[in-house]
Amino acid sequence: MKGFAKEFKEFIAKGDVISMAVGIIIGGAFQNIVNSIVNDLINPLLGLICGGIDFSTLSFGVGEAQFAIGNVINAVIKFLLTALVLFFIMKAYNRMAEKPEEEAK
């Protein structure tokens, strides 16, 4: 049991685990920003353009089972919008990160 405790302590104390934990926490906080951009800026804009289309009521039934396909469509749209916002944020970040390297040369 002592060997296990020592091995676990070494694993936790490694920089990789600490860095991963910090990354996960910051990623969670960053997720709030991205969700706000999608929900509070992009979705209302799309609502204006598309006339407020909401797929959540779209469903079909087979026997006793009810399939809410509209919720899946909304989730896919939200995923694509989130990915698009992240793409633009990372593109801007990469552009800013390249400038100091170019100036150093």
N, C-alpha and C. Protein backbone atom coordinates (compact mmCIF):
# COMPACT_ATOMS: atom_id res chain seq x y z
N MET A 1 0.82 -1.20 0.00
CA MET A 1 0.00 0.00 0.00
C MET A 1 0.86 1.26 0.00
N LYS A 2 2.04 1.20 0.67
CA LYS A 2 2.92 2.36 0.68
C LYS A 2 3.41 2.68 -0.74
N GLY A 3 3.70 1.64 -1.50
CA GLY A 3 4.16 1.85 -2.88
C GLY A 3 3.10 2.53 -3.71
N PHE A 4 1.85 2.14 -3.53
CA PHE A 4 0.75 2.75 -4.27
C PHE A 4 0.61 4.22 -3.91
N ALA A 5 0.66 4.53 -2.62
CA ALA A 5 0.52 5.92 -2.16
C ALA A 5 1.66 6.78 -2.70
N LYS A 6 2.87 6.24 -2.68
CA LYS A 6 4.02 6.98 -3.19
C LYS A 6 3.88 7.22 -4.69
N GLU A 7 3.49 6.17 -5.41
CA GLU A 7 3.33 6.29 -6.85
C GLU A 7 2.22 7.30 -7.21
N PHE A 8 1.12 7.26 -6.45
CA PHE A 8 0.03 8.20 -6.69
C PHE A 8 0.47 9.63 -6.39
N LYS A 9 1.23 9.83 -5.32
CA LYS A 9 1.73 11.17 -4.97
C LYS A 9 2.65 11.70 -6.08
N GLU A 10 3.50 10.85 -6.62
CA GLU A 10 4.39 11.28 -7.70
C GLU A 10 3.58 11.64 -8.96
N PHE A 11 2.54 10.86 -9.23
CA PHE A 11 1.70 11.12 -10.38
C PHE A 11 1.01 12.47 -10.25
N ILE A 12 0.44 12.74 -9.08
CA ILE A 12 -0.27 14.00 -8.86
C ILE A 12 0.68 15.19 -8.88
N ALA A 13 1.89 15.01 -8.40
CA ALA A 13 2.84 16.11 -8.30
C ALA A 13 3.49 16.46 -9.63
N LYS A 14 3.32 15.63 -10.64
CA LYS A 14 3.92 15.92 -11.94
C LYS A 14 3.30 17.18 -12.52
N GLY A 15 4.10 17.92 -13.24
CA GLY A 15 3.63 19.16 -13.86
C GLY A 15 2.54 18.94 -14.88
N ASP A 16 2.58 17.79 -15.56
CA ASP A 16 1.57 17.53 -16.59
C ASP A 16 0.17 17.46 -15.99
N VAL A 17 0.03 16.83 -14.85
CA VAL A 17 -1.28 16.69 -14.22
C VAL A 17 -1.78 18.05 -13.74
N ILE A 18 -0.88 18.82 -13.14
CA ILE A 18 -1.25 20.15 -12.66
C ILE A 18 -1.65 21.03 -13.84
N SER A 19 -0.86 21.01 -14.90
CA SER A 19 -1.17 21.81 -16.09
C SER A 19 -2.50 21.40 -16.69
N MET A 20 -2.77 20.09 -16.72
CA MET A 20 -4.03 19.61 -17.26
C MET A 20 -5.20 20.10 -16.41
N ALA A 21 -5.04 20.07 -15.09
CA ALA A 21 -6.12 20.52 -14.20
C ALA A 21 -6.39 22.01 -14.41
N VAL A 22 -5.34 22.80 -14.51
CA VAL A 22 -5.51 24.24 -14.74
C VAL A 22 -6.18 24.47 -16.10
N GLY A 23 -5.77 23.70 -17.11
CA GLY A 23 -6.37 23.83 -18.44
C GLY A 23 -7.85 23.50 -18.43
N ILE A 24 -8.23 22.48 -17.68
CA ILE A 24 -9.64 22.10 -17.60
C ILE A 24 -10.45 23.20 -16.92
N ILE A 25 -9.92 23.76 -15.85
CA ILE A 25 -10.63 24.83 -15.14
C ILE A 25 -10.77 26.07 -16.01
N ILE A 26 -9.70 26.46 -16.68
CA ILE A 26 -9.75 27.62 -17.57
C ILE A 26 -10.65 27.33 -18.76
N GLY A 27 -10.62 26.09 -19.26
CA GLY A 27 -11.50 25.71 -20.36
C GLY A 27 -12.97 25.84 -19.97
N GLY A 28 -13.30 25.47 -18.74
CA GLY A 28 -14.67 25.61 -18.26
C GLY A 28 -15.10 27.06 -18.20
N ALA A 29 -14.19 27.92 -17.74
CA ALA A 29 -14.50 29.35 -17.68
C ALA A 29 -14.62 29.93 -19.10
N PHE A 30 -13.75 29.49 -19.99
CA PHE A 30 -13.78 29.96 -21.37
C PHE A 30 -15.05 29.50 -22.07
N GLN A 31 -15.55 28.33 -21.69
CA GLN A 31 -16.79 27.81 -22.26
C GLN A 31 -17.94 28.76 -21.99
N ASN A 32 -17.96 29.38 -20.82
CA ASN A 32 -19.00 30.36 -20.50
C ASN A 32 -18.97 31.54 -21.46
N ILE A 33 -17.77 31.99 -21.80
CA ILE A 33 -17.63 33.11 -22.74
C ILE A 33 -18.15 32.72 -24.11
N VAL A 34 -17.74 31.55 -24.59
CA VAL A 34 -18.16 31.10 -25.91
C VAL A 34 -19.67 30.89 -25.94
N ASN A 35 -20.23 30.26 -24.89
CA ASN A 35 -21.67 30.06 -24.82
C ASN A 35 -22.42 31.39 -24.84
N SER A 36 -21.90 32.39 -24.15
CA SER A 36 -22.53 33.70 -24.14
C SER A 36 -22.49 34.33 -25.53
N ILE A 37 -21.38 34.22 -26.21
CA ILE A 37 -21.28 34.76 -27.57
C ILE A 37 -22.31 34.09 -28.48
N VAL A 38 -22.40 32.76 -28.38
CA VAL A 38 -23.35 32.03 -29.23
C VAL A 38 -24.79 32.36 -28.84
N ASN A 39 -25.10 32.26 -27.55
CA ASN A 39 -26.49 32.44 -27.10
C ASN A 39 -26.97 33.89 -27.15
N ASP A 40 -26.08 34.83 -26.81
CA ASP A 40 -26.49 36.22 -26.65
C ASP A 40 -26.22 37.09 -27.88
N LEU A 41 -25.36 36.64 -28.77
CA LEU A 41 -25.05 37.44 -29.95
C LEU A 41 -25.44 36.74 -31.26
N ILE A 42 -24.95 35.53 -31.45
CA ILE A 42 -25.14 34.83 -32.72
C ILE A 42 -26.58 34.34 -32.87
N ASN A 43 -27.12 33.66 -31.85
CA ASN A 43 -28.48 33.13 -31.96
C ASN A 43 -29.53 34.22 -32.20
N PRO A 44 -29.50 35.35 -31.48
CA PRO A 44 -30.48 36.39 -31.80
C PRO A 44 -30.34 36.93 -33.23
N LEU A 45 -29.10 37.04 -33.70
CA LEU A 45 -28.86 37.48 -35.06
C LEU A 45 -29.46 36.49 -36.06
N LEU A 46 -29.25 35.20 -35.82
CA LEU A 46 -29.84 34.18 -36.68
C LEU A 46 -31.36 34.20 -36.59
N GLY A 47 -31.88 34.47 -35.39
CA GLY A 47 -33.32 34.58 -35.23
C GLY A 47 -33.92 35.69 -36.08
N LEU A 48 -33.19 36.82 -36.16
CA LEU A 48 -33.65 37.91 -37.02
C LEU A 48 -33.62 37.52 -38.49
N ILE A 49 -32.54 36.85 -38.87
CA ILE A 49 -32.37 36.46 -40.27
C ILE A 49 -33.37 35.37 -40.67
N CYS A 50 -33.54 34.37 -39.81
CA CYS A 50 -34.38 33.20 -40.14
C CYS A 50 -35.82 33.34 -39.65
N GLY A 51 -36.16 34.43 -39.04
CA GLY A 51 -37.52 34.61 -38.57
C GLY A 51 -37.82 33.84 -37.30
N GLY A 52 -36.83 33.62 -36.47
CA GLY A 52 -37.04 32.96 -35.17
C GLY A 52 -37.40 31.50 -35.26
N ILE A 53 -36.83 30.79 -36.21
CA ILE A 53 -37.13 29.36 -36.36
C ILE A 53 -36.61 28.60 -35.15
N ASP A 54 -37.47 27.76 -34.58
CA ASP A 54 -37.10 26.91 -33.45
C ASP A 54 -37.53 25.49 -33.77
N PHE A 55 -36.57 24.58 -33.81
CA PHE A 55 -36.85 23.21 -34.18
C PHE A 55 -37.26 22.33 -33.00
N SER A 56 -37.28 22.88 -31.78
CA SER A 56 -37.50 22.06 -30.59
C SER A 56 -38.86 21.36 -30.58
N THR A 57 -39.82 21.88 -31.30
CA THR A 57 -41.14 21.24 -31.32
C THR A 57 -41.25 20.15 -32.37
N LEU A 58 -40.25 20.01 -33.21
CA LEU A 58 -40.27 19.01 -34.27
C LEU A 58 -40.00 17.63 -33.68
N SER A 59 -40.95 16.71 -33.85
CA SER A 59 -40.78 15.34 -33.34
C SER A 59 -41.65 14.39 -34.13
N PHE A 60 -41.39 13.11 -33.95
CA PHE A 60 -42.24 12.10 -34.55
C PHE A 60 -42.32 10.91 -33.60
N GLY A 61 -43.34 10.14 -33.75
CA GLY A 61 -43.56 9.01 -32.87
C GLY A 61 -43.64 7.71 -33.63
N VAL A 62 -43.16 6.67 -32.99
CA VAL A 62 -43.28 5.32 -33.50
C VAL A 62 -43.80 4.48 -32.35
N GLY A 63 -45.04 4.10 -32.44
CA GLY A 63 -45.65 3.38 -31.33
C GLY A 63 -45.73 4.29 -30.11
N GLU A 64 -45.20 3.81 -29.00
CA GLU A 64 -45.18 4.58 -27.75
C GLU A 64 -43.98 5.52 -27.66
N ALA A 65 -42.98 5.31 -28.52
CA ALA A 65 -41.75 6.11 -28.46
C ALA A 65 -41.93 7.43 -29.20
N GLN A 66 -41.45 8.50 -28.60
CA GLN A 66 -41.50 9.83 -29.21
C GLN A 66 -40.06 10.29 -29.42
N PHE A 67 -39.72 10.65 -30.64
CA PHE A 67 -38.37 11.07 -30.98
C PHE A 67 -38.37 12.58 -31.21
N ALA A 68 -37.67 13.30 -30.34
CA ALA A 68 -37.60 14.77 -30.42
C ALA A 68 -36.43 15.15 -31.32
N ILE A 69 -36.61 14.96 -32.60
CA ILE A 69 -35.55 15.24 -33.57
C ILE A 69 -35.20 16.72 -33.61
N GLY A 70 -36.15 17.58 -33.26
CA GLY A 70 -35.89 19.02 -33.26
C GLY A 70 -34.83 19.42 -32.24
N ASN A 71 -34.83 18.75 -31.07
CA ASN A 71 -33.80 19.03 -30.07
C ASN A 71 -32.42 18.65 -30.59
N VAL A 72 -32.35 17.56 -31.36
CA VAL A 72 -31.07 17.14 -31.94
C VAL A 72 -30.62 18.17 -32.97
N ILE A 73 -31.55 18.63 -33.79
CA ILE A 73 -31.20 19.66 -34.79
C ILE A 73 -30.72 20.93 -34.10
N ASN A 74 -31.40 21.37 -33.04
CA ASN A 74 -30.96 22.55 -32.29
C ASN A 74 -29.58 22.34 -31.69
N ALA A 75 -29.32 21.14 -31.16
CA ALA A 75 -28.01 20.85 -30.57
C ALA A 75 -26.91 20.88 -31.63
N VAL A 76 -27.19 20.35 -32.81
CA VAL A 76 -26.20 20.36 -33.89
C VAL A 76 -25.93 21.80 -34.34
N ILE A 77 -26.98 22.59 -34.47
CA ILE A 77 -26.79 24.00 -34.85
C ILE A 77 -25.97 24.73 -33.80
N LYS A 78 -26.27 24.52 -32.52
CA LYS A 78 -25.51 25.17 -31.45
C LYS A 78 -24.06 24.71 -31.48
N PHE A 79 -23.82 23.42 -31.72
CA PHE A 79 -22.45 22.92 -31.80
C PHE A 79 -21.70 23.60 -32.94
N LEU A 80 -22.33 23.68 -34.11
CA LEU A 80 -21.67 24.30 -35.26
C LEU A 80 -21.38 25.77 -35.02
N LEU A 81 -22.32 26.47 -34.39
CA LEU A 81 -22.09 27.88 -34.06
C LEU A 81 -20.96 28.04 -33.05
N THR A 82 -20.94 27.17 -32.04
CA THR A 82 -19.87 27.21 -31.04
C THR A 82 -18.52 26.94 -31.70
N ALA A 83 -18.47 25.94 -32.58
CA ALA A 83 -17.22 25.63 -33.28
C ALA A 83 -16.78 26.79 -34.16
N LEU A 84 -17.74 27.47 -34.79
CA LEU A 84 -17.42 28.62 -35.63
C LEU A 84 -16.85 29.77 -34.81
N VAL A 85 -17.46 30.05 -33.67
CA VAL A 85 -16.96 31.11 -32.79
C VAL A 85 -15.56 30.75 -32.29
N LEU A 86 -15.35 29.51 -31.88
CA LEU A 86 -14.02 29.09 -31.43
C LEU A 86 -13.00 29.20 -32.56
N PHE A 87 -13.41 28.86 -33.77
CA PHE A 87 -12.51 28.97 -34.91
C PHE A 87 -12.04 30.41 -35.09
N PHE A 88 -12.99 31.36 -35.03
CA PHE A 88 -12.62 32.76 -35.20
C PHE A 88 -11.74 33.26 -34.05
N ILE A 89 -12.04 32.82 -32.82
CA ILE A 89 -11.23 33.23 -31.68
C ILE A 89 -9.81 32.68 -31.80
N MET A 90 -9.69 31.41 -32.18
CA MET A 90 -8.36 30.82 -32.31
C MET A 90 -7.59 31.42 -33.49
N LYS A 91 -8.31 31.73 -34.55
CA LYS A 91 -7.65 32.36 -35.70
C LYS A 91 -7.08 33.72 -35.30
N ALA A 92 -7.85 34.51 -34.55
CA ALA A 92 -7.36 35.81 -34.08
C ALA A 92 -6.21 35.63 -33.10
N TYR A 93 -6.31 34.65 -32.22
CA TYR A 93 -5.24 34.39 -31.26
C TYR A 93 -3.95 33.99 -31.97
N ASN A 94 -4.05 33.11 -32.95
CA ASN A 94 -2.86 32.68 -33.68
C ASN A 94 -2.24 33.83 -34.44
N ARG A 95 -3.06 34.72 -34.98
CA ARG A 95 -2.54 35.88 -35.69
C ARG A 95 -1.77 36.79 -34.73
N MET A 96 -2.31 36.99 -33.52
CA MET A 96 -1.64 37.83 -32.53
C MET A 96 -0.36 37.16 -32.03
N ALA A 97 -0.38 35.84 -31.91
CA ALA A 97 0.79 35.12 -31.42
C ALA A 97 1.93 35.14 -32.44
N GLU A 98 1.61 35.22 -33.73
CA GLU A 98 2.63 35.24 -34.77
C GLU A 98 3.36 36.57 -34.82
N LYS A 99 2.71 37.68 -34.50
CA LYS A 99 3.32 39.00 -34.63
C LYS A 99 4.56 39.17 -33.76
N PRO A 100 4.53 38.79 -32.48
CA PRO A 100 5.76 38.94 -31.69
C PRO A 100 6.92 38.10 -32.22
N GLU A 101 6.63 36.93 -32.79
CA GLU A 101 7.68 36.10 -33.37
C GLU A 101 8.28 36.78 -34.61
N GLU A 102 7.41 37.39 -35.43
CA GLU A 102 7.90 38.09 -36.61
C GLU A 102 8.72 39.31 -36.25
N GLU A 103 8.30 40.03 -35.19
CA GLU A 103 9.03 41.21 -34.75
C GLU A 103 10.39 40.85 -34.17
N ALA A 104 10.47 39.66 -33.55
CA ALA A 104 11.74 39.23 -32.96
C ALA A 104 12.78 38.93 -34.05
N LYS A 105 12.30 38.53 -35.23
CA LYS A 105 13.23 38.20 -36.33
C LYS A 105 13.67 39.46 -36.96
